[in-house]
Amino acid sequence: MARRRSIAVATPSRFSPVFVLRLLKTLLVLVVVLFIVLAAVGALLTYRVVTTTNLVENVTPDSAFQSNYENLNFKDLRGGEHEGWLLVGLKGAPVIILCHGYNSNRSDMLSLGTFLRQNYFNVYLFNFEGRKAKRSFSDLGPGEADILPAAIGKITAHDGINPNRVGLYGVTTGAFAVLAAGEQSPLVKALVVDNVYEYPQQAFQSEVAEILGSPSTVFRVLSNAEFGILTYRSKVPPIRQNIGKLKDVPKLFIAGGDAPALAEATRTLYGFAPEPKRLWVADHSQSALASGDDVKEYENQVLTFFLQNLPLRAD
């Protein structure tokens, strides 16, 4: 007796093409929404970083019982006015210009400035930001680099200052300006940079990490792109390419352990810098110093460097 062949019946798919299409559309919408949310958060964070300023001066020469000083303001090339204090040292001695860092102001430099003045240097402290500075936001270095030459021109034209020998000191954004200006000015005879970097994006990402900890790679890429868009008009000076111009200019690089990314950037630039140079790895950068022994050691390191490399004698 012949057997009947069984007829194969196709098992219906658990997921119909319509269902798969809907699922893909839903996933695409979620990805787009996530991208928009991350981009929006990145934009807000970028705006916060570039617009953060600290204009509250907790200490002034008067409150620090510093009587031998002058108020000395200057204007930059854009017409913005910047407030400054000249701590008067030995007549005819060199001047050391102190450049504050990100989210800081000249008052944060007053302790170091007073210490240097007590050792007979003339010291000039000024604000990059201010009510009359005509800057809506900081591009984390290039703008500061444009302002510093005007400060050098103003202070070296002042009576009692040696116009041919200038020392520069800067922290983070101020340090970026110090390297850029030092590479261009023959008046700069010695400089100190604390947690300096080559690209503004390095400072930006350091601030993002400080605020958020360790953000995702996607968020870092988005926020960095938004920072680039916001600062696209800024002309970033070629710090590494021009660093050879600092040949024969003594340089002290300070790498602060409290900001690992910037400390690594400082070591990298130190490696490219010509002699004479020295690298000091400190527990803290100037912006993170509190009080006590850390402050004393830091100030002594800076003073010793300038005493050795920026003689007080008149030319």
C-alpha atoms as a PDB file:
ATOM      1  CA  MET A   1       0.000   0.000   0.000  1.00  0.00           C
ATOM      2  CA  ALA A   2       1.484   3.309  -1.104  1.00  0.00           C
ATOM      3  CA  ARG A   3       2.312   5.820   1.567  1.00  0.00           C
ATOM      4  CA  ARG A   4       0.966   9.297   1.300  1.00  0.00           C
ATOM      5  CA  ARG A   5       3.579  11.966   1.160  1.00  0.00           C
ATOM      6  CA  SER A   6       3.267  14.462   3.944  1.00  0.00           C
ATOM      7  CA  ILE A   7       2.888  17.999   2.717  1.00  0.00           C
ATOM      8  CA  ALA A   8       5.452  20.398   4.211  1.00  0.00           C
ATOM      9  CA  VAL A   9       3.818  23.417   5.765  1.00  0.00           C
ATOM     10  CA  ALA A  10       6.000  26.502   6.257  1.00  0.00           C
ATOM     11  CA  THR A  11       6.223  27.654   9.853  1.00  0.00           C
ATOM     12  CA  PRO A  12       5.066  31.263  10.060  1.00  0.00           C
ATOM     13  CA  SER A  13       7.852  33.720  11.088  1.00  0.00           C
ATOM     14  CA  ARG A  14       7.694  35.028  14.630  1.00  0.00           C
ATOM     15  CA  PHE A  15       8.599  38.508  13.336  1.00  0.00           C
ATOM     16  CA  SER A  16       6.804  39.791  10.309  1.00  0.00           C
ATOM     17  CA  PRO A  17       8.503  42.291   7.992  1.00  0.00           C
ATOM     18  CA  VAL A  18       6.115  44.990   9.193  1.00  0.00           C
ATOM     19  CA  PHE A  19       7.080  44.349  12.823  1.00  0.00           C
ATOM     20  CA  VAL A  20      10.813  44.437  12.023  1.00  0.00           C
ATOM     21  CA  LEU A  21      10.396  47.697  10.122  1.00  0.00           C
ATOM     22  CA  ARG A  22       8.526  49.281  13.014  1.00  0.00           C
ATOM     23  CA  LEU A  23      11.195  48.101  15.446  1.00  0.00           C
ATOM     24  CA  LEU A  24      13.964  49.605  13.343  1.00  0.00           C
ATOM     25  CA  LYS A  25      12.092  52.896  13.094  1.00  0.00           C
ATOM     26  CA  THR A  26      11.624  52.964  16.864  1.00  0.00           C
ATOM     27  CA  LEU A  27      15.319  52.272  17.448  1.00  0.00           C
ATOM     28  CA  LEU A  28      16.273  54.987  14.970  1.00  0.00           C
ATOM     29  CA  VAL A  29      14.024  57.487  16.739  1.00  0.00           C
ATOM     30  CA  LEU A  30      15.588  56.559  20.096  1.00  0.00           C
ATOM     31  CA  VAL A  31      19.093  57.006  18.682  1.00  0.00           C
ATOM     32  CA  VAL A  32      18.187  60.401  17.223  1.00  0.00           C
ATOM     33  CA  VAL A  33      16.584  61.512  20.501  1.00  0.00           C
ATOM     34  CA  LEU A  34      19.626  60.338  22.468  1.00  0.00           C
ATOM     35  CA  PHE A  35      21.912  62.198  20.070  1.00  0.00           C
ATOM     36  CA  ILE A  36      19.862  65.395  20.430  1.00  0.00           C
ATOM     37  CA  VAL A  37      19.849  65.110  24.230  1.00  0.00           C
ATOM     38  CA  LEU A  38      23.608  64.546  24.368  1.00  0.00           C
ATOM     39  CA  ALA A  39      24.199  67.409  21.948  1.00  0.00           C
ATOM     40  CA  ALA A  40      21.981  69.738  23.999  1.00  0.00           C
ATOM     41  CA  VAL A  41      23.678  68.807  27.261  1.00  0.00           C
ATOM     42  CA  GLY A  42      27.068  69.216  25.579  1.00  0.00           C
ATOM     43  CA  ALA A  43      26.083  72.652  24.291  1.00  0.00           C
ATOM     44  CA  LEU A  44      25.004  73.781  27.764  1.00  0.00           C
ATOM     45  CA  LEU A  45      28.219  72.431  29.272  1.00  0.00           C
ATOM     46  CA  THR A  46      30.324  74.073  26.556  1.00  0.00           C
ATOM     47  CA  TYR A  47      28.619  77.391  27.194  1.00  0.00           C
ATOM     48  CA  ARG A  48      29.192  77.014  30.913  1.00  0.00           C
ATOM     49  CA  VAL A  49      32.901  76.290  30.479  1.00  0.00           C
ATOM     50  CA  VAL A  50      33.644  79.176  28.116  1.00  0.00           C
ATOM     51  CA  THR A  51      31.577  81.752  30.028  1.00  0.00           C
ATOM     52  CA  THR A  52      32.752  80.908  33.545  1.00  0.00           C
ATOM     53  CA  THR A  53      34.537  83.901  35.040  1.00  0.00           C
ATOM     54  CA  ASN A  54      35.572  84.858  38.538  1.00  0.00           C
ATOM     55  CA  LEU A  55      35.582  88.608  39.094  1.00  0.00           C
ATOM     56  CA  VAL A  56      35.312  88.481  42.895  1.00  0.00           C
ATOM     57  CA  GLU A  57      38.619  89.723  44.272  1.00  0.00           C
ATOM     58  CA  ASN A  58      38.837  88.282  47.757  1.00  0.00           C
ATOM     59  CA  VAL A  59      42.080  90.078  48.498  1.00  0.00           C
ATOM     60  CA  THR A  60      43.538  93.369  47.291  1.00  0.00           C
ATOM     61  CA  PRO A  61      46.861  95.113  47.938  1.00  0.00           C
ATOM     62  CA  ASP A  62      45.121  97.287  50.535  1.00  0.00           C
ATOM     63  CA  SER A  63      43.657  94.334  52.435  1.00  0.00           C
ATOM     64  CA  ALA A  64      47.043  92.606  52.268  1.00  0.00           C
ATOM     65  CA  PHE A  65      48.697  95.705  53.760  1.00  0.00           C
ATOM     66  CA  GLN A  66      50.585  96.259  50.532  1.00  0.00           C
ATOM     67  CA  SER A  67      51.079 100.014  50.378  1.00  0.00           C
ATOM     68  CA  ASN A  68      53.715 100.280  47.657  1.00  0.00           C
ATOM     69  CA  TYR A  69      51.561  99.638  44.605  1.00  0.00           C
ATOM     70  CA  GLU A  70      49.830 101.447  41.763  1.00  0.00           C
ATOM     71  CA  ASN A  71      46.617 100.858  39.863  1.00  0.00           C
ATOM     72  CA  LEU A  72      47.731 100.483  36.260  1.00  0.00           C
ATOM     73  CA  ASN A  73      45.143  99.590  33.615  1.00  0.00           C
ATOM     74  CA  PHE A  74      45.671  99.040  29.893  1.00  0.00           C
ATOM     75  CA  LYS A  75      43.687  98.512  26.705  1.00  0.00           C
ATOM     76  CA  ASP A  76      44.089  95.595  24.321  1.00  0.00           C
ATOM     77  CA  LEU A  77      44.002  95.817  20.518  1.00  0.00           C
ATOM     78  CA  ARG A  78      40.210  95.473  20.495  1.00  0.00           C
ATOM     79  CA  GLY A  79      39.769  98.380  22.865  1.00  0.00           C
ATOM     80  CA  GLY A  80      38.939  96.236  25.876  1.00  0.00           C
ATOM     81  CA  GLU A  81      40.192  97.634  29.190  1.00  0.00           C
ATOM     82  CA  HIS A  82      41.952  95.449  31.747  1.00  0.00           C
ATOM     83  CA  GLU A  83      42.550  96.289  35.392  1.00  0.00           C
ATOM     84  CA  GLY A  84      46.042  95.835  36.787  1.00  0.00           C
ATOM     85  CA  TRP A  85      48.127  96.301  39.915  1.00  0.00           C
ATOM     86  CA  LEU A  86      51.809  97.183  39.800  1.00  0.00           C
ATOM     87  CA  LEU A  87      53.617  96.089  42.950  1.00  0.00           C
ATOM     88  CA  VAL A  88      56.589  98.443  43.003  1.00  0.00           C
ATOM     89  CA  GLY A  89      59.961  96.861  43.712  1.00  0.00           C
ATOM     90  CA  LEU A  90      63.495  98.058  43.145  1.00  0.00           C
ATOM     91  CA  LYS A  91      63.772 100.964  40.704  1.00  0.00           C
ATOM     92  CA  GLY A  92      65.246  99.782  37.421  1.00  0.00           C
ATOM     93  CA  ALA A  93      64.698  96.129  38.280  1.00  0.00           C
ATOM     94  CA  PRO A  94      62.964  93.721  35.866  1.00  0.00           C
ATOM     95  CA  VAL A  95      59.214  93.235  35.981  1.00  0.00           C
ATOM     96  CA  ILE A  96      57.510  89.870  36.373  1.00  0.00           C
ATOM     97  CA  ILE A  97      54.028  89.702  34.874  1.00  0.00           C
ATOM     98  CA  LEU A  98      51.700  87.215  36.573  1.00  0.00           C
ATOM     99  CA  CYS A  99      48.917  85.786  34.405  1.00  0.00           C
ATOM    100  CA  HIS A 100      46.046  84.136  36.262  1.00  0.00           C
ATOM    101  CA  GLY A 101      44.418  80.949  35.035  1.00  0.00           C
ATOM    102  CA  TYR A 102      40.947  79.736  34.142  1.00  0.00           C
ATOM    103  CA  ASN A 103      38.110  80.808  36.467  1.00  0.00           C
ATOM    104  CA  SER A 104      40.501  83.033  38.384  1.00  0.00           C
ATOM    105  CA  ASN A 105      41.579  86.661  38.653  1.00  0.00           C
ATOM    106  CA  ARG A 106      44.538  88.820  39.649  1.00  0.00           C
ATOM    107  CA  SER A 107      43.794  88.576  43.378  1.00  0.00           C
ATOM    108  CA  ASP A 108      44.669  84.865  43.286  1.00  0.00           C
ATOM    109  CA  MET A 109      48.183  85.892  42.201  1.00  0.00           C
ATOM    110  CA  LEU A 110      48.659  88.462  44.974  1.00  0.00           C
ATOM    111  CA  SER A 111      50.367  86.152  47.479  1.00  0.00           C
ATOM    112  CA  LEU A 112      52.985  85.081  44.947  1.00  0.00           C
ATOM    113  CA  GLY A 113      53.283  88.640  43.670  1.00  0.00           C
ATOM    114  CA  THR A 114      53.885  90.037  47.148  1.00  0.00           C
ATOM    115  CA  PHE A 115      56.543  87.383  47.786  1.00  0.00           C
ATOM    116  CA  LEU A 116      58.352  88.315  44.569  1.00  0.00           C
ATOM    117  CA  ARG A 117      58.098  92.048  45.327  1.00  0.00           C
ATOM    118  CA  GLN A 118      59.566  91.486  48.794  1.00  0.00           C
ATOM    119  CA  ASN A 119      62.600  90.198  46.942  1.00  0.00           C
ATOM    120  CA  TYR A 120      62.813  93.466  44.982  1.00  0.00           C
ATOM    121  CA  PHE A 121      61.188  92.490  41.685  1.00  0.00           C
ATOM    122  CA  ASN A 122      58.584  94.761  40.157  1.00  0.00           C
ATOM    123  CA  VAL A 123      55.426  92.684  39.741  1.00  0.00           C
ATOM    124  CA  TYR A 124      52.419  93.296  37.510  1.00  0.00           C
ATOM    125  CA  LEU A 125      49.101  91.494  37.975  1.00  0.00           C
ATOM    126  CA  PHE A 126      46.118  92.087  35.712  1.00  0.00           C
ATOM    127  CA  ASN A 127      42.721  90.642  34.810  1.00  0.00           C
ATOM    128  CA  PHE A 128      42.061  88.998  31.468  1.00  0.00           C
ATOM    129  CA  GLU A 129      38.340  89.380  32.134  1.00  0.00           C
ATOM    130  CA  GLY A 130      36.406  92.393  33.369  1.00  0.00           C
ATOM    131  CA  ARG A 131      33.398  94.603  32.830  1.00  0.00           C
ATOM    132  CA  LYS A 132      35.224  96.591  30.144  1.00  0.00           C
ATOM    133  CA  ALA A 133      37.200  93.750  28.616  1.00  0.00           C
ATOM    134  CA  LYS A 134      34.792  93.338  25.665  1.00  0.00           C
ATOM    135  CA  ARG A 135      34.917  89.532  25.729  1.00  0.00           C
ATOM    136  CA  SER A 136      31.684  87.560  25.736  1.00  0.00           C
ATOM    137  CA  PHE A 137      33.462  84.257  26.400  1.00  0.00           C
ATOM    138  CA  SER A 138      36.933  82.741  26.704  1.00  0.00           C
ATOM    139  CA  ASP A 139      38.371  80.538  23.973  1.00  0.00           C
ATOM    140  CA  LEU A 140      40.674  79.078  26.638  1.00  0.00           C
ATOM    141  CA  GLY A 141      43.971  80.519  25.506  1.00  0.00           C
ATOM    142  CA  PRO A 142      44.154  82.279  22.122  1.00  0.00           C
ATOM    143  CA  GLY A 143      42.245  85.331  23.373  1.00  0.00           C
ATOM    144  CA  GLU A 144      44.495  85.568  26.414  1.00  0.00           C
ATOM    145  CA  ALA A 145      47.519  85.275  24.117  1.00  0.00           C
ATOM    146  CA  ASP A 146      46.264  88.310  22.166  1.00  0.00           C
ATOM    147  CA  ILE A 147      45.876  90.374  25.350  1.00  0.00           C
ATOM    148  CA  LEU A 148      49.241  89.685  27.014  1.00  0.00           C
ATOM    149  CA  PRO A 149      51.415  91.636  24.509  1.00  0.00           C
ATOM    150  CA  ALA A 150      49.411  94.771  25.309  1.00  0.00           C
ATOM    151  CA  ALA A 151      50.150  94.237  29.004  1.00  0.00           C
ATOM    152  CA  ILE A 152      53.857  93.839  28.231  1.00  0.00           C
ATOM    153  CA  GLY A 153      53.841  97.047  26.203  1.00  0.00           C
ATOM    154  CA  LYS A 154      52.057  98.966  28.958  1.00  0.00           C
ATOM    155  CA  ILE A 155      54.259  97.888  31.847  1.00  0.00           C
ATOM    156  CA  THR A 156      57.603  98.230  30.043  1.00  0.00           C
ATOM    157  CA  ALA A 157      56.736 101.846  29.202  1.00  0.00           C
ATOM    158  CA  HIS A 158      56.285 102.645  32.892  1.00  0.00           C
ATOM    159  CA  ASP A 159      58.888 104.668  34.778  1.00  0.00           C
ATOM    160  CA  GLY A 160      61.143 102.667  37.071  1.00  0.00           C
ATOM    161  CA  ILE A 161      60.778  99.416  35.118  1.00  0.00           C
ATOM    162  CA  ASN A 162      63.641  97.861  33.203  1.00  0.00           C
ATOM    163  CA  PRO A 163      62.099  97.837  29.700  1.00  0.00           C
ATOM    164  CA  ASN A 164      64.486  95.242  28.312  1.00  0.00           C
ATOM    165  CA  ARG A 165      64.033  92.343  30.731  1.00  0.00           C
ATOM    166  CA  VAL A 166      60.624  90.843  31.451  1.00  0.00           C
ATOM    167  CA  GLY A 167      59.708  87.675  33.317  1.00  0.00           C
ATOM    168  CA  LEU A 168      56.427  85.906  32.644  1.00  0.00           C
ATOM    169  CA  TYR A 169      54.450  83.526  34.843  1.00  0.00           C
ATOM    170  CA  GLY A 170      51.131  81.899  33.999  1.00  0.00           C
ATOM    171  CA  VAL A 171      48.698  79.161  35.001  1.00  0.00           C
ATOM    172  CA  THR A 172      46.537  77.145  32.527  1.00  0.00           C
ATOM    173  CA  THR A 173      44.998  79.751  30.166  1.00  0.00           C
ATOM    174  CA  GLY A 174      47.516  82.281  31.444  1.00  0.00           C
ATOM    175  CA  ALA A 175      50.331  79.788  30.848  1.00  0.00           C
ATOM    176  CA  PHE A 176      49.142  79.287  27.263  1.00  0.00           C
ATOM    177  CA  ALA A 177      49.347  83.070  26.786  1.00  0.00           C
ATOM    178  CA  VAL A 178      52.819  83.148  28.383  1.00  0.00           C
ATOM    179  CA  LEU A 179      54.250  80.603  25.937  1.00  0.00           C
ATOM    180  CA  ALA A 180      52.613  82.290  22.939  1.00  0.00           C
ATOM    181  CA  ALA A 181      53.814  85.776  23.945  1.00  0.00           C
ATOM    182  CA  GLY A 182      57.226  84.562  25.046  1.00  0.00           C
ATOM    183  CA  GLU A 183      57.796  83.003  21.635  1.00  0.00           C
ATOM    184  CA  GLN A 184      57.157  86.374  19.984  1.00  0.00           C
ATOM    185  CA  SER A 185      58.671  88.981  22.323  1.00  0.00           C
ATOM    186  CA  PRO A 186      62.443  89.551  22.588  1.00  0.00           C
ATOM    187  CA  LEU A 187      61.845  91.328  25.908  1.00  0.00           C
ATOM    188  CA  VAL A 188      60.971  88.067  27.667  1.00  0.00           C
ATOM    189  CA  LYS A 189      64.096  86.723  29.362  1.00  0.00           C
ATOM    190  CA  ALA A 190      62.602  84.016  31.626  1.00  0.00           C
ATOM    191  CA  LEU A 191      59.222  82.327  31.995  1.00  0.00           C
ATOM    192  CA  VAL A 192      57.306  79.922  34.212  1.00  0.00           C
ATOM    193  CA  VAL A 193      54.290  77.944  32.984  1.00  0.00           C
ATOM    194  CA  ASP A 194      52.031  75.910  35.272  1.00  0.00           C
ATOM    195  CA  ASN A 195      49.837  73.201  33.682  1.00  0.00           C
ATOM    196  CA  VAL A 196      50.265  74.526  30.181  1.00  0.00           C
ATOM    197  CA  TYR A 197      48.917  72.880  27.023  1.00  0.00           C
ATOM    198  CA  GLU A 198      49.216  73.100  23.253  1.00  0.00           C
ATOM    199  CA  TYR A 199      45.573  73.111  22.157  1.00  0.00           C
ATOM    200  CA  PRO A 200      42.566  74.834  23.790  1.00  0.00           C
ATOM    201  CA  GLN A 201      40.616  71.571  23.417  1.00  0.00           C
ATOM    202  CA  GLN A 202      42.937  70.041  26.010  1.00  0.00           C
ATOM    203  CA  ALA A 203      41.911  72.651  28.561  1.00  0.00           C
ATOM    204  CA  PHE A 204      38.260  72.267  27.575  1.00  0.00           C
ATOM    205  CA  GLN A 205      38.270  68.507  28.033  1.00  0.00           C
ATOM    206  CA  SER A 206      40.064  68.897  31.359  1.00  0.00           C
ATOM    207  CA  GLU A 207      37.270  71.169  32.583  1.00  0.00           C
ATOM    208  CA  VAL A 208      34.595  68.785  31.275  1.00  0.00           C
ATOM    209  CA  ALA A 209      36.248  65.925  33.143  1.00  0.00           C
ATOM    210  CA  GLU A 210      36.438  68.086  36.272  1.00  0.00           C
ATOM    211  CA  ILE A 211      32.698  68.768  36.105  1.00  0.00           C
ATOM    212  CA  LEU A 212      31.384  65.360  34.962  1.00  0.00           C
ATOM    213  CA  GLY A 213      34.093  62.924  35.967  1.00  0.00           C
ATOM    214  CA  SER A 214      34.509  60.501  33.041  1.00  0.00           C
ATOM    215  CA  PRO A 215      31.906  61.262  30.357  1.00  0.00           C
ATOM    216  CA  SER A 216      31.258  58.816  27.522  1.00  0.00           C
ATOM    217  CA  THR A 217      33.313  58.899  24.348  1.00  0.00           C
ATOM    218  CA  VAL A 218      30.273  60.043  22.340  1.00  0.00           C
ATOM    219  CA  PHE A 219      29.646  62.917  24.740  1.00  0.00           C
ATOM    220  CA  ARG A 220      33.311  63.965  24.667  1.00  0.00           C
ATOM    221  CA  VAL A 221      33.308  63.982  20.859  1.00  0.00           C
ATOM    222  CA  LEU A 222      30.076  65.998  20.697  1.00  0.00           C
ATOM    223  CA  SER A 223      31.102  68.570  23.307  1.00  0.00           C
ATOM    224  CA  ASN A 224      34.536  68.976  21.744  1.00  0.00           C
ATOM    225  CA  ALA A 225      32.934  69.535  18.342  1.00  0.00           C
ATOM    226  CA  GLU A 226      30.591  72.148  19.830  1.00  0.00           C
ATOM    227  CA  PHE A 227      33.547  73.905  21.461  1.00  0.00           C
ATOM    228  CA  GLY A 228      35.284  73.939  18.086  1.00  0.00           C
ATOM    229  CA  ILE A 229      32.209  75.457  16.416  1.00  0.00           C
ATOM    230  CA  LEU A 230      31.890  78.126  19.117  1.00  0.00           C
ATOM    231  CA  THR A 231      35.553  79.131  18.848  1.00  0.00           C
ATOM    232  CA  TYR A 232      36.066  78.616  15.114  1.00  0.00           C
ATOM    233  CA  ARG A 233      37.119  82.250  14.645  1.00  0.00           C
ATOM    234  CA  SER A 234      39.932  81.976  17.176  1.00  0.00           C
ATOM    235  CA  LYS A 235      43.404  81.851  15.724  1.00  0.00           C
ATOM    236  CA  VAL A 236      45.311  79.305  17.764  1.00  0.00           C
ATOM    237  CA  PRO A 237      49.012  80.178  17.893  1.00  0.00           C
ATOM    238  CA  PRO A 238      51.295  77.291  16.890  1.00  0.00           C
ATOM    239  CA  ILE A 239      52.800  76.768  20.321  1.00  0.00           C
ATOM    240  CA  ARG A 240      54.805  73.635  19.550  1.00  0.00           C
ATOM    241  CA  GLN A 241      56.031  74.815  16.142  1.00  0.00           C
ATOM    242  CA  ASN A 242      57.311  78.124  17.588  1.00  0.00           C
ATOM    243  CA  ILE A 243      58.745  76.772  20.817  1.00  0.00           C
ATOM    244  CA  GLY A 244      62.201  76.670  19.242  1.00  0.00           C
ATOM    245  CA  LYS A 245      62.171  80.482  19.392  1.00  0.00           C
ATOM    246  CA  LEU A 246      62.604  80.160  23.150  1.00  0.00           C
ATOM    247  CA  LYS A 247      66.131  78.895  22.719  1.00  0.00           C
ATOM    248  CA  ASP A 248      68.382  80.521  25.345  1.00  0.00           C
ATOM    249  CA  VAL A 249      65.304  81.700  27.330  1.00  0.00           C
ATOM    250  CA  PRO A 250      65.221  79.885  30.713  1.00  0.00           C
ATOM    251  CA  LYS A 251      61.942  78.020  31.212  1.00  0.00           C
ATOM    252  CA  LEU A 252      60.370  76.348  34.228  1.00  0.00           C
ATOM    253  CA  PHE A 253      57.541  73.922  33.480  1.00  0.00           C
ATOM    254  CA  ILE A 254      55.322  72.989  36.438  1.00  0.00           C
ATOM    255  CA  ALA A 255      53.163  69.852  36.155  1.00  0.00           C
ATOM    256  CA  GLY A 256      50.502  69.767  38.886  1.00  0.00           C
ATOM    257  CA  GLY A 257      49.300  66.361  39.982  1.00  0.00           C
ATOM    258  CA  ASP A 258      45.751  67.622  40.625  1.00  0.00           C
ATOM    259  CA  ALA A 259      45.085  67.906  36.851  1.00  0.00           C
ATOM    260  CA  PRO A 260      46.566  64.764  35.234  1.00  0.00           C
ATOM    261  CA  ALA A 261      45.597  65.593  31.640  1.00  0.00           C
ATOM    262  CA  LEU A 262      47.120  69.067  31.776  1.00  0.00           C
ATOM    263  CA  ALA A 263      50.163  67.739  33.624  1.00  0.00           C
ATOM    264  CA  GLU A 264      50.729  65.286  30.769  1.00  0.00           C
ATOM    265  CA  ALA A 265      50.306  68.091  28.214  1.00  0.00           C
ATOM    266  CA  THR A 266      52.898  70.100  30.160  1.00  0.00           C
ATOM    267  CA  ARG A 267      55.373  67.216  30.070  1.00  0.00           C
ATOM    268  CA  THR A 268      54.850  66.869  26.326  1.00  0.00           C
ATOM    269  CA  LEU A 269      55.628  70.538  25.664  1.00  0.00           C
ATOM    270  CA  TYR A 270      58.593  70.330  28.011  1.00  0.00           C
ATOM    271  CA  GLY A 271      59.948  67.519  25.857  1.00  0.00           C
ATOM    272  CA  PHE A 272      59.787  69.706  22.733  1.00  0.00           C
ATOM    273  CA  ALA A 273      61.191  72.831  24.406  1.00  0.00           C
ATOM    274  CA  PRO A 274      64.849  73.727  23.808  1.00  0.00           C
ATOM    275  CA  GLU A 275      67.338  74.259  26.610  1.00  0.00           C
ATOM    276  CA  PRO A 276      67.638  75.826  29.098  1.00  0.00           C
ATOM    277  CA  LYS A 277      64.599  74.286  30.751  1.00  0.00           C
ATOM    278  CA  ARG A 278      63.500  72.518  33.916  1.00  0.00           C
ATOM    279  CA  LEU A 279      60.471  70.420  34.803  1.00  0.00           C
ATOM    280  CA  TRP A 280      59.094  70.435  38.329  1.00  0.00           C
ATOM    281  CA  VAL A 281      56.403  67.867  39.129  1.00  0.00           C
ATOM    282  CA  ALA A 282      54.395  69.312  42.017  1.00  0.00           C
ATOM    283  CA  ASP A 283      51.593  67.764  44.036  1.00  0.00           C
ATOM    284  CA  HIS A 284      49.322  70.675  43.150  1.00  0.00           C
ATOM    285  CA  SER A 285      49.166  73.405  40.555  1.00  0.00           C
ATOM    286  CA  GLN A 286      48.904  77.002  41.720  1.00  0.00           C
ATOM    287  CA  SER A 287      45.124  77.037  41.285  1.00  0.00           C
ATOM    288  CA  ALA A 288      44.739  74.138  43.739  1.00  0.00           C
ATOM    289  CA  LEU A 289      47.088  75.399  46.447  1.00  0.00           C
ATOM    290  CA  ALA A 290      45.455  75.934  49.818  1.00  0.00           C
ATOM    291  CA  SER A 291      47.947  77.066  52.431  1.00  0.00           C
ATOM    292  CA  GLY A 292      50.857  75.967  54.526  1.00  0.00           C
ATOM    293  CA  ASP A 293      53.929  74.099  53.315  1.00  0.00           C
ATOM    294  CA  ASP A 294      52.641  73.560  49.765  1.00  0.00           C
ATOM    295  CA  VAL A 295      52.331  77.305  49.199  1.00  0.00           C
ATOM    296  CA  LYS A 296      55.764  77.997  50.663  1.00  0.00           C
ATOM    297  CA  GLU A 297      57.455  75.356  48.544  1.00  0.00           C
ATOM    298  CA  TYR A 298      55.678  76.545  45.405  1.00  0.00           C
ATOM    299  CA  GLU A 299      56.540  80.204  45.934  1.00  0.00           C
ATOM    300  CA  ASN A 300      60.152  79.351  46.776  1.00  0.00           C
ATOM    301  CA  GLN A 301      60.497  77.325  43.582  1.00  0.00           C
ATOM    302  CA  VAL A 302      59.219  80.230  41.475  1.00  0.00           C
ATOM    303  CA  LEU A 303      61.295  82.842  43.320  1.00  0.00           C
ATOM    304  CA  THR A 304      64.486  80.777  43.082  1.00  0.00           C
ATOM    305  CA  PHE A 305      63.981  80.322  39.350  1.00  0.00           C
ATOM    306  CA  PHE A 306      63.583  84.050  38.728  1.00  0.00           C
ATOM    307  CA  LEU A 307      66.479  85.025  41.015  1.00  0.00           C
ATOM    308  CA  GLN A 308      68.743  82.677  39.057  1.00  0.00           C
ATOM    309  CA  ASN A 309      67.517  83.627  35.603  1.00  0.00           C
ATOM    310  CA  LEU A 310      66.283  87.235  35.803  1.00  0.00           C
ATOM    311  CA  PRO A 311      68.998  89.188  37.654  1.00  0.00           C
ATOM    312  CA  LEU A 312      67.949  92.293  39.522  1.00  0.00           C
ATOM    313  CA  ARG A 313      70.908  94.326  38.321  1.00  0.00           C
ATOM    314  CA  ALA A 314      70.275  97.176  35.922  1.00  0.00           C
ATOM    315  CA  ASP A 315      71.498  96.853  32.318  1.00  0.00           C
END
